[in-house]
């Protein structure tokens, strides 16, 4: 009696002449968000208008509505980008630069220089560790909660944020590959769809050059630009946030800006439109998946890229505190108990 799941000798012999465990993938639906919905509606309704329909006004309105909603989604993200940058991030950057500049002025007496942003930086080799005890308790606590004084904690929070953006970036990349490269370019709208069965389900067998251009310019490119701007702004805001608990909370708050496309899809899109979106199928990322290192582990490249980006940002690329000296953490750890006992009222710190 043959055992289920155990390859026979004939199967084992066959693998010597052909690839083992080949997975053939059929067409797959577009992502279930406002961008996938907009692409699906534009393709479907353009075909209807081309072939003839009694609902010309309604289908033209649905195309216009698709453009309006994706335009509104991008506009809302851009507005939030500018709002966070001007109302929140700029204030936090100035505060952390001022705090760290005052710390440097205290710890490096008569041995500081001015950065391009106008704040003090100590000259290496001239730090006076005993002056750490001259700070008031409140100011010392503020200095010790500068995120860069806890680089690995900050890196973990940033990594989660970068992963959140990487999910969206990967979706954009793979959808663009499927639409623009894997899907052939056809001459006319009559060659775009192929009926699959009688349930409003269609396979996209090709796209016209005009459709590809439209999707690239009005959907994918704005998404990439907005996402990369949001990624950089989020990293900058988190790095500038004084307070380790606030860093974590701000990281959670940033996520909703990336998920806005999903919120609007679930709130604003009708059941019929969702149904039709889920039944428009485009080419998969790979038609044939052969078992091997590439297909088993290729997606982990995205994770490696995220780790490399975070390491480069924290230790080399961040400009929240240019010329950061990495001279806070050791003193904060050494004098933590002393700071609690040595609370000084009055000014934020005392200078000799």
C-alpha atoms as a PDB file:
ATOM      1  CA  UNK A   1       0.000   0.000   0.000  1.00  0.00           C
ATOM      2  CA  UNK A   2       1.525   3.304  -1.085  1.00  0.00           C
ATOM      3  CA  UNK A   3       2.012   5.882   1.655  1.00  0.00           C
ATOM      4  CA  UNK A   4       0.547   9.318   1.041  1.00  0.00           C
ATOM      5  CA  UNK A   5       3.194  12.044   0.824  1.00  0.00           C
ATOM      6  CA  UNK A   6       6.116   9.629   0.206  1.00  0.00           C
ATOM      7  CA  UNK A   7       7.475   9.845  -3.361  1.00  0.00           C
ATOM      8  CA  UNK A   8       7.687   6.572  -5.281  1.00  0.00           C
ATOM      9  CA  UNK A   9      10.903   5.324  -6.858  1.00  0.00           C
ATOM     10  CA  UNK A  10       9.587   6.419 -10.246  1.00  0.00           C
ATOM     11  CA  UNK A  11       9.021   9.921  -8.928  1.00  0.00           C
ATOM     12  CA  UNK A  12      12.492  10.029  -7.391  1.00  0.00           C
ATOM     13  CA  UNK A  13      13.985   8.962 -10.689  1.00  0.00           C
ATOM     14  CA  UNK A  14      11.997  11.575 -12.530  1.00  0.00           C
ATOM     15  CA  UNK A  15      13.457  14.347 -10.397  1.00  0.00           C
ATOM     16  CA  UNK A  16      16.879  13.611 -11.824  1.00  0.00           C
ATOM     17  CA  UNK A  17      15.732  14.843 -15.219  1.00  0.00           C
ATOM     18  CA  UNK A  18      13.252  17.540 -14.247  1.00  0.00           C
ATOM     19  CA  UNK A  19      12.840  20.162 -11.551  1.00  0.00           C
ATOM     20  CA  UNK A  20      11.454  18.974  -8.242  1.00  0.00           C
ATOM     21  CA  UNK A  21       8.255  20.346  -6.702  1.00  0.00           C
ATOM     22  CA  UNK A  22       7.338  22.811  -9.448  1.00  0.00           C
ATOM     23  CA  UNK A  23       4.502  25.155  -8.494  1.00  0.00           C
ATOM     24  CA  UNK A  24       2.495  26.657 -11.342  1.00  0.00           C
ATOM     25  CA  UNK A  25       0.572  29.789 -10.400  1.00  0.00           C
ATOM     26  CA  UNK A  26      -2.515  31.133 -12.115  1.00  0.00           C
ATOM     27  CA  UNK A  27      -3.683  34.732 -12.343  1.00  0.00           C
ATOM     28  CA  UNK A  28      -4.172  36.456  -8.973  1.00  0.00           C
ATOM     29  CA  UNK A  29      -6.444  39.335  -7.866  1.00  0.00           C
ATOM     30  CA  UNK A  30      -5.262  42.875  -7.332  1.00  0.00           C
ATOM     31  CA  UNK A  31      -4.523  44.015  -3.748  1.00  0.00           C
ATOM     32  CA  UNK A  32      -7.695  44.726  -1.769  1.00  0.00           C
ATOM     33  CA  UNK A  33      -7.188  48.455  -1.169  1.00  0.00           C
ATOM     34  CA  UNK A  34      -8.297  51.684  -2.839  1.00  0.00           C
ATOM     35  CA  UNK A  35      -5.465  51.484  -5.381  1.00  0.00           C
ATOM     36  CA  UNK A  36      -6.295  47.929  -6.453  1.00  0.00           C
ATOM     37  CA  UNK A  37      -9.968  48.906  -6.588  1.00  0.00           C
ATOM     38  CA  UNK A  38      -9.246  51.981  -8.728  1.00  0.00           C
ATOM     39  CA  UNK A  39      -7.162  49.994 -11.226  1.00  0.00           C
ATOM     40  CA  UNK A  40      -9.869  47.323 -11.428  1.00  0.00           C
ATOM     41  CA  UNK A  41     -12.675  49.842 -11.989  1.00  0.00           C
ATOM     42  CA  UNK A  42     -10.740  51.755 -14.653  1.00  0.00           C
ATOM     43  CA  UNK A  43      -9.954  48.567 -16.586  1.00  0.00           C
ATOM     44  CA  UNK A  44     -13.471  47.138 -16.331  1.00  0.00           C
ATOM     45  CA  UNK A  45     -15.341  50.345 -17.198  1.00  0.00           C
ATOM     46  CA  UNK A  46     -13.053  51.330 -20.056  1.00  0.00           C
ATOM     47  CA  UNK A  47     -13.724  47.918 -21.602  1.00  0.00           C
ATOM     48  CA  UNK A  48     -17.471  48.389 -21.125  1.00  0.00           C
ATOM     49  CA  UNK A  49     -17.360  51.852 -22.700  1.00  0.00           C
ATOM     50  CA  UNK A  50     -15.282  50.506 -25.580  1.00  0.00           C
ATOM     51  CA  UNK A  51     -17.568  47.533 -26.268  1.00  0.00           C
ATOM     52  CA  UNK A  52     -20.828  49.424 -25.709  1.00  0.00           C
ATOM     53  CA  UNK A  53     -23.040  49.786 -22.644  1.00  0.00           C
ATOM     54  CA  UNK A  54     -26.379  51.271 -21.635  1.00  0.00           C
ATOM     55  CA  UNK A  55     -24.742  52.688 -18.495  1.00  0.00           C
ATOM     56  CA  UNK A  56     -22.278  55.050 -20.105  1.00  0.00           C
ATOM     57  CA  UNK A  57     -22.880  57.838 -17.604  1.00  0.00           C
ATOM     58  CA  UNK A  58     -22.652  55.523 -14.598  1.00  0.00           C
ATOM     59  CA  UNK A  59     -19.468  53.823 -15.769  1.00  0.00           C
ATOM     60  CA  UNK A  60     -17.802  57.115 -16.670  1.00  0.00           C
ATOM     61  CA  UNK A  61     -18.777  58.389 -13.217  1.00  0.00           C
ATOM     62  CA  UNK A  62     -17.232  55.312 -11.604  1.00  0.00           C
ATOM     63  CA  UNK A  63     -13.948  55.965 -13.410  1.00  0.00           C
ATOM     64  CA  UNK A  64     -14.037  59.585 -12.253  1.00  0.00           C
ATOM     65  CA  UNK A  65     -14.881  58.435  -8.728  1.00  0.00           C
ATOM     66  CA  UNK A  66     -11.879  56.084  -8.768  1.00  0.00           C
ATOM     67  CA  UNK A  67      -9.579  58.947  -9.691  1.00  0.00           C
ATOM     68  CA  UNK A  68     -11.177  61.180  -7.062  1.00  0.00           C
ATOM     69  CA  UNK A  69     -10.706  58.675  -4.238  1.00  0.00           C
ATOM     70  CA  UNK A  70      -7.095  57.778  -5.023  1.00  0.00           C
ATOM     71  CA  UNK A  71      -6.374  61.483  -5.495  1.00  0.00           C
ATOM     72  CA  UNK A  72      -8.018  62.181  -2.147  1.00  0.00           C
ATOM     73  CA  UNK A  73      -6.056  59.385  -0.482  1.00  0.00           C
ATOM     74  CA  UNK A  74      -2.740  60.716  -1.757  1.00  0.00           C
ATOM     75  CA  UNK A  75      -3.739  64.311  -0.951  1.00  0.00           C
ATOM     76  CA  UNK A  76      -4.645  63.326   2.614  1.00  0.00           C
ATOM     77  CA  UNK A  77      -1.304  61.564   3.068  1.00  0.00           C
ATOM     78  CA  UNK A  78       0.570  64.566   1.655  1.00  0.00           C
ATOM     79  CA  UNK A  79      -1.348  66.924   3.953  1.00  0.00           C
ATOM     80  CA  UNK A  80      -0.542  64.755   6.974  1.00  0.00           C
ATOM     81  CA  UNK A  81       3.100  64.665   5.891  1.00  0.00           C
ATOM     82  CA  UNK A  82       3.315  68.454   5.866  1.00  0.00           C
ATOM     83  CA  UNK A  83       1.321  68.722   9.104  1.00  0.00           C
ATOM     84  CA  UNK A  84       3.540  66.269  10.975  1.00  0.00           C
ATOM     85  CA  UNK A  85       6.650  67.902   9.534  1.00  0.00           C
ATOM     86  CA  UNK A  86       5.697  71.491  10.379  1.00  0.00           C
ATOM     87  CA  UNK A  87       3.595  71.085  13.530  1.00  0.00           C
ATOM     88  CA  UNK A  88       5.291  68.164  15.275  1.00  0.00           C
ATOM     89  CA  UNK A  89       8.628  67.129  13.830  1.00  0.00           C
ATOM     90  CA  UNK A  90      10.158  70.597  13.484  1.00  0.00           C
ATOM     91  CA  UNK A  91       9.369  71.433  17.120  1.00  0.00           C
ATOM     92  CA  UNK A  92      10.791  68.127  18.349  1.00  0.00           C
ATOM     93  CA  UNK A  93      13.972  68.556  16.304  1.00  0.00           C
ATOM     94  CA  UNK A  94      14.577  72.031  17.739  1.00  0.00           C
ATOM     95  CA  UNK A  95      13.947  70.791  21.276  1.00  0.00           C
ATOM     96  CA  UNK A  96      16.329  67.846  21.069  1.00  0.00           C
ATOM     97  CA  UNK A  97      19.040  69.938  19.396  1.00  0.00           C
ATOM     98  CA  UNK A  98      18.739  72.569  22.100  1.00  0.00           C
ATOM     99  CA  UNK A  99      18.847  69.964  24.886  1.00  0.00           C
ATOM    100  CA  UNK A 100      21.845  68.131  23.485  1.00  0.00           C
ATOM    101  CA  UNK A 101      23.633  71.415  22.695  1.00  0.00           C
ATOM    102  CA  UNK A 102      23.239  72.564  26.307  1.00  0.00           C
ATOM    103  CA  UNK A 103      24.515  69.202  27.508  1.00  0.00           C
ATOM    104  CA  UNK A 104      27.597  69.505  25.302  1.00  0.00           C
ATOM    105  CA  UNK A 105      28.229  73.065  26.508  1.00  0.00           C
ATOM    106  CA  UNK A 106      28.154  71.874  30.113  1.00  0.00           C
ATOM    107  CA  UNK A 107      30.236  68.719  29.664  1.00  0.00           C
ATOM    108  CA  UNK A 108      32.978  70.264  27.483  1.00  0.00           C
ATOM    109  CA  UNK A 109      33.765  73.604  29.204  1.00  0.00           C
ATOM    110  CA  UNK A 110      35.607  75.984  26.864  1.00  0.00           C
ATOM    111  CA  UNK A 111      36.057  73.189  24.306  1.00  0.00           C
ATOM    112  CA  UNK A 112      33.035  73.305  22.016  1.00  0.00           C
ATOM    113  CA  UNK A 113      32.330  74.349  18.453  1.00  0.00           C
ATOM    114  CA  UNK A 114      29.122  75.348  16.667  1.00  0.00           C
ATOM    115  CA  UNK A 115      27.449  72.962  14.214  1.00  0.00           C
ATOM    116  CA  UNK A 116      25.837  74.009  10.942  1.00  0.00           C
ATOM    117  CA  UNK A 117      22.535  74.202  12.853  1.00  0.00           C
ATOM    118  CA  UNK A 118      23.935  76.622  15.448  1.00  0.00           C
ATOM    119  CA  UNK A 119      24.275  74.278  18.438  1.00  0.00           C
ATOM    120  CA  UNK A 120      27.248  73.323  20.592  1.00  0.00           C
ATOM    121  CA  UNK A 121      29.302  70.181  20.117  1.00  0.00           C
ATOM    122  CA  UNK A 122      32.123  69.087  22.377  1.00  0.00           C
ATOM    123  CA  UNK A 123      35.644  68.454  21.126  1.00  0.00           C
ATOM    124  CA  UNK A 124      36.590  64.796  21.763  1.00  0.00           C
ATOM    125  CA  UNK A 125      38.993  64.311  24.660  1.00  0.00           C
ATOM    126  CA  UNK A 126      37.819  67.279  26.728  1.00  0.00           C
ATOM    127  CA  UNK A 127      34.714  65.884  28.408  1.00  0.00           C
ATOM    128  CA  UNK A 128      34.562  66.480  32.167  1.00  0.00           C
ATOM    129  CA  UNK A 129      32.531  63.584  33.548  1.00  0.00           C
ATOM    130  CA  UNK A 130      32.196  65.117  37.010  1.00  0.00           C
ATOM    131  CA  UNK A 131      30.145  67.996  35.538  1.00  0.00           C
ATOM    132  CA  UNK A 132      27.330  65.542  34.844  1.00  0.00           C
ATOM    133  CA  UNK A 133      26.341  65.883  38.510  1.00  0.00           C
ATOM    134  CA  UNK A 134      25.834  69.635  38.091  1.00  0.00           C
ATOM    135  CA  UNK A 135      22.675  69.123  36.051  1.00  0.00           C
ATOM    136  CA  UNK A 136      19.242  69.410  37.606  1.00  0.00           C
ATOM    137  CA  UNK A 137      17.312  66.173  37.874  1.00  0.00           C
ATOM    138  CA  UNK A 138      14.767  67.224  35.245  1.00  0.00           C
ATOM    139  CA  UNK A 139      17.387  68.215  32.724  1.00  0.00           C
ATOM    140  CA  UNK A 140      19.409  65.050  33.368  1.00  0.00           C
ATOM    141  CA  UNK A 141      16.298  62.931  32.831  1.00  0.00           C
ATOM    142  CA  UNK A 142      15.600  64.749  29.572  1.00  0.00           C
ATOM    143  CA  UNK A 143      19.157  64.221  28.339  1.00  0.00           C
ATOM    144  CA  UNK A 144      19.097  60.546  29.284  1.00  0.00           C
ATOM    145  CA  UNK A 145      15.890  60.010  27.276  1.00  0.00           C
ATOM    146  CA  UNK A 146      17.363  61.263  24.016  1.00  0.00           C
ATOM    147  CA  UNK A 147      16.637  58.303  21.699  1.00  0.00           C
ATOM    148  CA  UNK A 148      20.173  58.226  20.286  1.00  0.00           C
ATOM    149  CA  UNK A 149      21.481  57.647  23.804  1.00  0.00           C
ATOM    150  CA  UNK A 150      19.689  54.278  23.557  1.00  0.00           C
ATOM    151  CA  UNK A 151      20.644  53.376  19.965  1.00  0.00           C
ATOM    152  CA  UNK A 152      19.519  49.749  19.990  1.00  0.00           C
ATOM    153  CA  UNK A 153      16.123  50.590  21.454  1.00  0.00           C
ATOM    154  CA  UNK A 154      15.698  53.311  18.833  1.00  0.00           C
ATOM    155  CA  UNK A 155      16.873  50.936  16.107  1.00  0.00           C
ATOM    156  CA  UNK A 156      14.242  48.347  17.099  1.00  0.00           C
ATOM    157  CA  UNK A 157      11.439  50.937  16.985  1.00  0.00           C
ATOM    158  CA  UNK A 158      12.702  52.242  13.645  1.00  0.00           C
ATOM    159  CA  UNK A 159      12.952  48.691  12.305  1.00  0.00           C
ATOM    160  CA  UNK A 160       9.283  48.040  13.075  1.00  0.00           C
ATOM    161  CA  UNK A 161       8.409  51.319  11.340  1.00  0.00           C
ATOM    162  CA  UNK A 162      10.546  50.430   8.317  1.00  0.00           C
ATOM    163  CA  UNK A 163       8.933  46.973   8.161  1.00  0.00           C
ATOM    164  CA  UNK A 164       5.518  48.688   8.088  1.00  0.00           C
ATOM    165  CA  UNK A 165       6.613  50.784   5.113  1.00  0.00           C
ATOM    166  CA  UNK A 166       8.355  47.823   3.473  1.00  0.00           C
ATOM    167  CA  UNK A 167       5.081  45.895   3.336  1.00  0.00           C
ATOM    168  CA  UNK A 168       3.573  48.705   1.267  1.00  0.00           C
ATOM    169  CA  UNK A 169       6.722  49.150  -0.817  1.00  0.00           C
ATOM    170  CA  UNK A 170       6.869  45.446  -1.611  1.00  0.00           C
ATOM    171  CA  UNK A 171       3.191  45.455  -2.620  1.00  0.00           C
ATOM    172  CA  UNK A 172       3.816  48.409  -4.953  1.00  0.00           C
ATOM    173  CA  UNK A 173       6.890  46.762  -6.466  1.00  0.00           C
ATOM    174  CA  UNK A 174       5.264  43.380  -7.046  1.00  0.00           C
ATOM    175  CA  UNK A 175       2.017  44.868  -8.395  1.00  0.00           C
ATOM    176  CA  UNK A 176       3.979  47.132 -10.751  1.00  0.00           C
ATOM    177  CA  UNK A 177       6.019  44.175 -11.963  1.00  0.00           C
ATOM    178  CA  UNK A 178       2.857  42.163 -12.592  1.00  0.00           C
ATOM    179  CA  UNK A 179       1.076  45.005 -14.404  1.00  0.00           C
ATOM    180  CA  UNK A 180       3.897  46.537 -16.422  1.00  0.00           C
ATOM    181  CA  UNK A 181       6.310  43.657 -17.100  1.00  0.00           C
ATOM    182  CA  UNK A 182       4.542  40.319 -16.681  1.00  0.00           C
ATOM    183  CA  UNK A 183       1.383  41.555 -18.443  1.00  0.00           C
ATOM    184  CA  UNK A 184       1.932  41.931 -22.214  1.00  0.00           C
ATOM    185  CA  UNK A 185       1.244  45.199 -24.016  1.00  0.00           C
ATOM    186  CA  UNK A 186      -1.680  44.831 -26.422  1.00  0.00           C
ATOM    187  CA  UNK A 187      -2.825  47.023 -29.278  1.00  0.00           C
ATOM    188  CA  UNK A 188      -6.410  47.763 -28.235  1.00  0.00           C
ATOM    189  CA  UNK A 189      -8.904  47.578 -25.393  1.00  0.00           C
ATOM    190  CA  UNK A 190     -10.613  44.618 -27.032  1.00  0.00           C
ATOM    191  CA  UNK A 191      -7.575  42.460 -26.239  1.00  0.00           C
ATOM    192  CA  UNK A 192      -7.346  43.334 -22.545  1.00  0.00           C
ATOM    193  CA  UNK A 193      -9.770  40.936 -20.824  1.00  0.00           C
ATOM    194  CA  UNK A 194     -10.382  37.237 -21.149  1.00  0.00           C
ATOM    195  CA  UNK A 195     -13.560  35.717 -19.733  1.00  0.00           C
ATOM    196  CA  UNK A 196     -12.915  32.977 -17.197  1.00  0.00           C
ATOM    197  CA  UNK A 197     -16.374  31.999 -15.979  1.00  0.00           C
ATOM    198  CA  UNK A 198     -19.812  33.524 -15.608  1.00  0.00           C
ATOM    199  CA  UNK A 199     -19.242  35.150 -12.220  1.00  0.00           C
ATOM    200  CA  UNK A 200     -17.904  38.559 -13.265  1.00  0.00           C
ATOM    201  CA  UNK A 201     -14.418  37.039 -13.108  1.00  0.00           C
ATOM    202  CA  UNK A 202     -11.913  37.979 -15.787  1.00  0.00           C
ATOM    203  CA  UNK A 203      -8.254  37.364 -16.480  1.00  0.00           C
ATOM    204  CA  UNK A 204      -6.294  40.361 -17.743  1.00  0.00           C
ATOM    205  CA  UNK A 205      -4.380  38.984 -20.694  1.00  0.00           C
ATOM    206  CA  UNK A 206      -2.824  42.318 -21.695  1.00  0.00           C
ATOM    207  CA  UNK A 207      -2.863  46.078 -21.152  1.00  0.00           C
ATOM    208  CA  UNK A 208      -2.578  48.873 -23.672  1.00  0.00           C
ATOM    209  CA  UNK A 209       0.387  51.222 -23.462  1.00  0.00           C
ATOM    210  CA  UNK A 210      -1.995  54.030 -22.503  1.00  0.00           C
ATOM    211  CA  UNK A 211      -3.427  52.041 -19.585  1.00  0.00           C
ATOM    212  CA  UNK A 212       0.044  51.164 -18.323  1.00  0.00           C
ATOM    213  CA  UNK A 213       1.094  54.808 -18.548  1.00  0.00           C
ATOM    214  CA  UNK A 214      -2.048  55.936 -16.720  1.00  0.00           C
ATOM    215  CA  UNK A 215      -1.605  53.422 -13.881  1.00  0.00           C
ATOM    216  CA  UNK A 216       2.086  54.262 -13.524  1.00  0.00           C
ATOM    217  CA  UNK A 217       1.704  58.054 -13.493  1.00  0.00           C
ATOM    218  CA  UNK A 218      -1.526  58.437 -11.523  1.00  0.00           C
ATOM    219  CA  UNK A 219      -1.326  55.471  -9.137  1.00  0.00           C
ATOM    220  CA  UNK A 220       2.041  53.805  -8.602  1.00  0.00           C
ATOM    221  CA  UNK A 221       4.532  56.691  -8.855  1.00  0.00           C
ATOM    222  CA  UNK A 222       2.598  58.967  -6.442  1.00  0.00           C
ATOM    223  CA  UNK A 223       2.335  56.033  -4.019  1.00  0.00           C
ATOM    224  CA  UNK A 224       6.092  55.463  -4.072  1.00  0.00           C
ATOM    225  CA  UNK A 225       6.921  59.151  -3.628  1.00  0.00           C
ATOM    226  CA  UNK A 226       4.466  59.543  -0.750  1.00  0.00           C
ATOM    227  CA  UNK A 227       5.629  56.359   0.958  1.00  0.00           C
ATOM    228  CA  UNK A 228       9.340  57.192   0.776  1.00  0.00           C
ATOM    229  CA  UNK A 229       8.668  60.690   2.108  1.00  0.00           C
ATOM    230  CA  UNK A 230       6.626  59.215   4.937  1.00  0.00           C
ATOM    231  CA  UNK A 231       9.356  56.677   5.703  1.00  0.00           C
ATOM    232  CA  UNK A 232      12.031  59.365   6.023  1.00  0.00           C
ATOM    233  CA  UNK A 233       9.819  61.758   7.992  1.00  0.00           C
ATOM    234  CA  UNK A 234       8.808  58.983  10.382  1.00  0.00           C
ATOM    235  CA  UNK A 235      12.425  58.050  11.053  1.00  0.00           C
ATOM    236  CA  UNK A 236      13.292  61.706  11.651  1.00  0.00           C
ATOM    237  CA  UNK A 237      10.338  62.293  13.984  1.00  0.00           C
ATOM    238  CA  UNK A 238      11.033  59.181  16.054  1.00  0.00           C
ATOM    239  CA  UNK A 239      14.725  60.058  16.347  1.00  0.00           C
ATOM    240  CA  UNK A 240      13.834  63.583  17.500  1.00  0.00           C
ATOM    241  CA  UNK A 241      11.291  62.519  20.133  1.00  0.00           C
ATOM    242  CA  UNK A 242      12.592  62.948  23.690  1.00  0.00           C
ATOM    243  CA  UNK A 243      11.089  60.283  25.943  1.00  0.00           C
ATOM    244  CA  UNK A 244      11.477  56.568  25.344  1.00  0.00           C
ATOM    245  CA  UNK A 245       7.775  55.926  25.900  1.00  0.00           C
ATOM    246  CA  UNK A 246       6.864  58.716  23.475  1.00  0.00           C
ATOM    247  CA  UNK A 247       9.072  57.155  20.792  1.00  0.00           C
ATOM    248  CA  UNK A 248       7.072  53.934  21.002  1.00  0.00           C
ATOM    249  CA  UNK A 249       3.703  55.720  20.971  1.00  0.00           C
ATOM    250  CA  UNK A 250       4.671  57.912  18.014  1.00  0.00           C
ATOM    251  CA  UNK A 251       5.752  54.814  16.110  1.00  0.00           C
ATOM    252  CA  UNK A 252       2.292  53.340  16.604  1.00  0.00           C
ATOM    253  CA  UNK A 253       0.655  56.626  15.569  1.00  0.00           C
ATOM    254  CA  UNK A 254       2.584  56.710  12.295  1.00  0.00           C
ATOM    255  CA  UNK A 255       1.193  53.370  11.170  1.00  0.00           C
ATOM    256  CA  UNK A 256      -2.295  54.684  10.449  1.00  0.00           C
ATOM    257  CA  UNK A 257      -0.888  56.958   7.716  1.00  0.00           C
ATOM    258  CA  UNK A 258       0.356  53.891   5.834  1.00  0.00           C
ATOM    259  CA  UNK A 259      -2.913  52.012   6.410  1.00  0.00           C
ATOM    260  CA  UNK A 260      -5.081  54.877   5.146  1.00  0.00           C
ATOM    261  CA  UNK A 261      -5.638  53.098   1.819  1.00  0.00           C
ATOM    262  CA  UNK A 262      -7.116  50.085   3.640  1.00  0.00           C
ATOM    263  CA  UNK A 263      -9.315  52.227   5.884  1.00  0.00           C
ATOM    264  CA  UNK A 264     -10.819  54.081   2.930  1.00  0.00           C
ATOM    265  CA  UNK A 265     -11.330  50.811   1.043  1.00  0.00           C
ATOM    266  CA  UNK A 266     -13.326  49.322   3.915  1.00  0.00           C
ATOM    267  CA  UNK A 267     -15.266  52.542   4.569  1.00  0.00           C
ATOM    268  CA  UNK A 268     -15.979  54.015   1.124  1.00  0.00           C
ATOM    269  CA  UNK A 269     -16.113  51.126  -1.367  1.00  0.00           C
ATOM    270  CA  UNK A 270     -19.420  49.355  -2.016  1.00  0.00           C
ATOM    271  CA  UNK A 271     -19.872  45.584  -1.751  1.00  0.00           C
ATOM    272  CA  UNK A 272     -20.343  45.270  -5.510  1.00  0.00           C
ATOM    273  CA  UNK A 273     -17.163  47.183  -6.261  1.00  0.00           C
ATOM    274  CA  UNK A 274     -15.233  45.054  -3.764  1.00  0.00           C
ATOM    275  CA  UNK A 275     -16.696  41.945  -5.396  1.00  0.00           C
ATOM    276  CA  UNK A 276     -15.558  43.082  -8.851  1.00  0.00           C
ATOM    277  CA  UNK A 277     -12.130  44.097  -7.560  1.00  0.00           C
ATOM    278  CA  UNK A 278     -11.563  40.633  -6.112  1.00  0.00           C
ATOM    279  CA  UNK A 279     -12.586  39.001  -9.409  1.00  0.00           C
ATOM    280  CA  UNK A 280     -10.274  40.819 -11.765  1.00  0.00           C
ATOM    281  CA  UNK A 281      -7.163  38.669 -12.047  1.00  0.00           C
ATOM    282  CA  UNK A 282      -3.754  39.716 -13.340  1.00  0.00           C
ATOM    283  CA  UNK A 283      -0.559  37.807 -14.027  1.00  0.00           C
ATOM    284  CA  UNK A 284       1.217  36.422 -10.939  1.00  0.00           C
ATOM    285  CA  UNK A 285       4.687  37.557  -9.911  1.00  0.00           C
ATOM    286  CA  UNK A 286       5.978  34.220 -11.249  1.00  0.00           C
ATOM    287  CA  UNK A 287       4.091  31.867 -13.558  1.00  0.00           C
ATOM    288  CA  UNK A 288       6.271  28.961 -12.445  1.00  0.00           C
ATOM    289  CA  UNK A 289       7.870  28.648  -9.019  1.00  0.00           C
ATOM    290  CA  UNK A 290      10.642  26.069  -8.961  1.00  0.00           C
ATOM    291  CA  UNK A 291      11.741  24.826  -5.550  1.00  0.00           C
ATOM    292  CA  UNK A 292      15.132  26.238  -4.607  1.00  0.00           C
ATOM    293  CA  UNK A 293      17.004  28.808  -2.555  1.00  0.00           C
ATOM    294  CA  UNK A 294      15.616  31.720  -4.565  1.00  0.00           C
ATOM    295  CA  UNK A 295      11.936  30.840  -4.185  1.00  0.00           C
ATOM    296  CA  UNK A 296      12.344  29.692  -0.574  1.00  0.00           C
ATOM    297  CA  UNK A 297      14.221  32.713   0.752  1.00  0.00           C
ATOM    298  CA  UNK A 298      14.095  35.580  -1.786  1.00  0.00           C
ATOM    299  CA  UNK A 299      11.542  37.621   0.185  1.00  0.00           C
ATOM    300  CA  UNK A 300      13.908  37.813   3.141  1.00  0.00           C
ATOM    301  CA  UNK A 301      15.946  40.266   1.088  1.00  0.00           C
ATOM    302  CA  UNK A 302      13.325  42.859   2.064  1.00  0.00           C
ATOM    303  CA  UNK A 303      14.060  42.205   5.730  1.00  0.00           C
ATOM    304  CA  UNK A 304      17.815  42.438   5.188  1.00  0.00           C
ATOM    305  CA  UNK A 305      17.337  45.728   3.328  1.00  0.00           C
ATOM    306  CA  UNK A 306      15.317  47.073   6.256  1.00  0.00           C
ATOM    307  CA  UNK A 307      18.012  46.148   8.782  1.00  0.00           C
ATOM    308  CA  UNK A 308      20.747  47.727   6.647  1.00  0.00           C
ATOM    309  CA  UNK A 309      18.715  50.915   6.194  1.00  0.00           C
ATOM    310  CA  UNK A 310      18.059  51.257   9.943  1.00  0.00           C
ATOM    311  CA  UNK A 311      21.730  50.682  10.813  1.00  0.00           C
ATOM    312  CA  UNK A 312      22.852  53.248   8.225  1.00  0.00           C
ATOM    313  CA  UNK A 313      20.229  55.751   9.372  1.00  0.00           C
ATOM    314  CA  UNK A 314      20.957  55.539  13.102  1.00  0.00           C
ATOM    315  CA  UNK A 315      24.737  55.507  12.880  1.00  0.00           C
ATOM    316  CA  UNK A 316      25.455  57.471   9.696  1.00  0.00           C
ATOM    317  CA  UNK A 317      22.525  59.159   7.933  1.00  0.00           C
ATOM    318  CA  UNK A 318      20.414  60.844  10.610  1.00  0.00           C
ATOM    319  CA  UNK A 319      20.619  64.643  10.659  1.00  0.00           C
ATOM    320  CA  UNK A 320      18.485  65.303  13.726  1.00  0.00           C
ATOM    321  CA  UNK A 321      21.667  65.614  15.793  1.00  0.00           C
ATOM    322  CA  UNK A 322      24.540  66.093  13.346  1.00  0.00           C
ATOM    323  CA  UNK A 323      27.962  65.251  14.805  1.00  0.00           C
ATOM    324  CA  UNK A 324      26.344  63.300  17.615  1.00  0.00           C
ATOM    325  CA  UNK A 325      29.123  62.240  20.009  1.00  0.00           C
ATOM    326  CA  UNK A 326      27.595  59.080  21.529  1.00  0.00           C
ATOM    327  CA  UNK A 327      28.619  60.531  24.886  1.00  0.00           C
ATOM    328  CA  UNK A 328      25.400  60.288  26.904  1.00  0.00           C
ATOM    329  CA  UNK A 329      24.605  56.636  27.536  1.00  0.00           C
ATOM    330  CA  UNK A 330      27.664  55.749  29.618  1.00  0.00           C
ATOM    331  CA  UNK A 331      27.207  58.677  31.986  1.00  0.00           C
ATOM    332  CA  UNK A 332      23.464  58.128  32.316  1.00  0.00           C
ATOM    333  CA  UNK A 333      24.022  54.502  33.293  1.00  0.00           C
ATOM    334  CA  UNK A 334      26.810  55.361  35.732  1.00  0.00           C
ATOM    335  CA  UNK A 335      25.042  58.183  37.549  1.00  0.00           C
ATOM    336  CA  UNK A 336      21.397  57.111  37.395  1.00  0.00           C
ATOM    337  CA  UNK A 337      20.960  56.677  41.148  1.00  0.00           C
ATOM    338  CA  UNK A 338      22.893  59.860  41.852  1.00  0.00           C
ATOM    339  CA  UNK A 339      20.608  61.848  39.579  1.00  0.00           C
ATOM    340  CA  UNK A 340      17.543  60.686  41.469  1.00  0.00           C
ATOM    341  CA  UNK A 341      19.020  61.789  44.798  1.00  0.00           C
ATOM    342  CA  UNK A 342      20.596  65.022  43.589  1.00  0.00           C
ATOM    343  CA  UNK A 343      17.582  67.026  42.430  1.00  0.00           C
ATOM    344  CA  UNK A 344      18.454  70.690  42.019  1.00  0.00           C
ATOM    345  CA  UNK A 345      15.706  73.361  41.703  1.00  0.00           C
ATOM    346  CA  UNK A 346      15.974  76.496  39.642  1.00  0.00           C
ATOM    347  CA  UNK A 347      17.530  76.621  36.218  1.00  0.00           C
ATOM    348  CA  UNK A 348      17.746  73.566  33.995  1.00  0.00           C
ATOM    349  CA  UNK A 349      21.443  73.231  34.765  1.00  0.00           C
ATOM    350  CA  UNK A 350      24.173  75.134  36.538  1.00  0.00           C
ATOM    351  CA  UNK A 351      27.258  76.272  34.628  1.00  0.00           C
ATOM    352  CA  UNK A 352      30.519  76.976  36.359  1.00  0.00           C
END
